[in-house]
Amino acid sequence: MTRKIALAALAAVVVFHVIVFIEFGTLWVGALAGYQELLLVFAFLLPTFLVHAPLARLFGADRLTRPPATVKALLEGLCVVLVSLVFWVVFFSLPQHYLVPTAEITPKALRLSLAVSAVLSLFFYYFVEREHSRQHLQQEVVRVAELQKETFQAQLEALKNQVDPHFLFNSLNVLGSLIHLDPDRAVQFLSQLAEVYRALLDTGAQPLVPLRSEMALVRAYASLLETRFGEALRVEWDIAPAWEQALVPPTAVQMLLENAIKHNGSTPRKPLHIKVSIADGMLVVANNRQPRTGAVASTHTGLRNIQRRYHHLTDRLVEIVPTPEVFVVRLPLLTAPAA
């Protein structure tokens, strides 16, 4: 709004003095009363500029797709001209009649004024508002492309982690042991492993998924980890059903569980505790810190990936709170976008 007011004021001053120069050969009006028409020019341009934005949205690339491009362009220009003529009458002609009743307007001057107002409106529409809309559309295209890239990267990282030779080796070892010791648990373990892959594939290229879907993946993945680590790992859940429809980037929570396992050691006497809960509209993943004795190389790719994806989706920030005792990550829970 402030931008439009400033633009209308600047344009009004320029147009007014150009007209004065053409008519009188000078930029100085002389009498202060003469500047009443400057206010009228501003009163005409301001609503004209304000209505240009909704017109640009109406005729944007994703609207009015049925008419041919040529017809659509003609309709767009006609609408701009008609709006300018209506505003010229309402905000310039009628006020001028009452504020400057002594002014004599010849038919030629009237036609010229109408033509100038229409040309001005078309000029500012196509070279200011449409250009602004085009740039905004380009920014949206870039934002969507970047978000899709981040989503694909997250899915790739998740799949790479799942098919990592160590993961497969450990999972198959656990499965082999369970087949002899506890066939029922072996069947359950295999089912959970399949569930992890199915959940990963189901997310597809979606930038956001319901928390319910993400938790189905995370619970299946956590169950695999608990089977593998036994008493050395404890995962606690505190997710109210009311939040199941909230949205999160796919695999974001699963990546945080991977991060906790990767950077922390655990034993039955000193188990790794991971708690997944919701507080203040944020999904909180917290774990006690038990750094591994051997150095673990970390590029922080997972956390950066999550942060970048949220950056494309919302102004709300991912909160990372490391302390000597615990490592906490808070993910904003988003609402479904309007249709």
Foldseek 3Di string as FASTA:
>chain_A
DVVLLVVLLVVLLVVVQVVCCVVPVDSDPDDPLVCVLSVLSSQLRSVLSVVLQVLCVCLDPPHPPPDDPVVSVVVSLVVLLVSSLVSCVVRHVVVCCVSVVVDDADPVNVVVVSVVSSVVSVCCSVVPNNVVVVVVVVVLVVLVVVLLVLLVVLLVVVVCVCVPVVNVVLLVVLLVVCVVVPVVVSVVLVVLSVQLVVLSVVCPSDQKDFQLSQVSNQVSVVVNVCSRQPLQEDEAEAEDPVRRRWIAGHCLVVVVVVVQVQFADTDNVRHKYWYWHDDPQWTKIKIFHHGDPDDGDDPCVSVVSRQSSVVSVDPDGWDWDDDNTMTMIIHHTHHDDDD
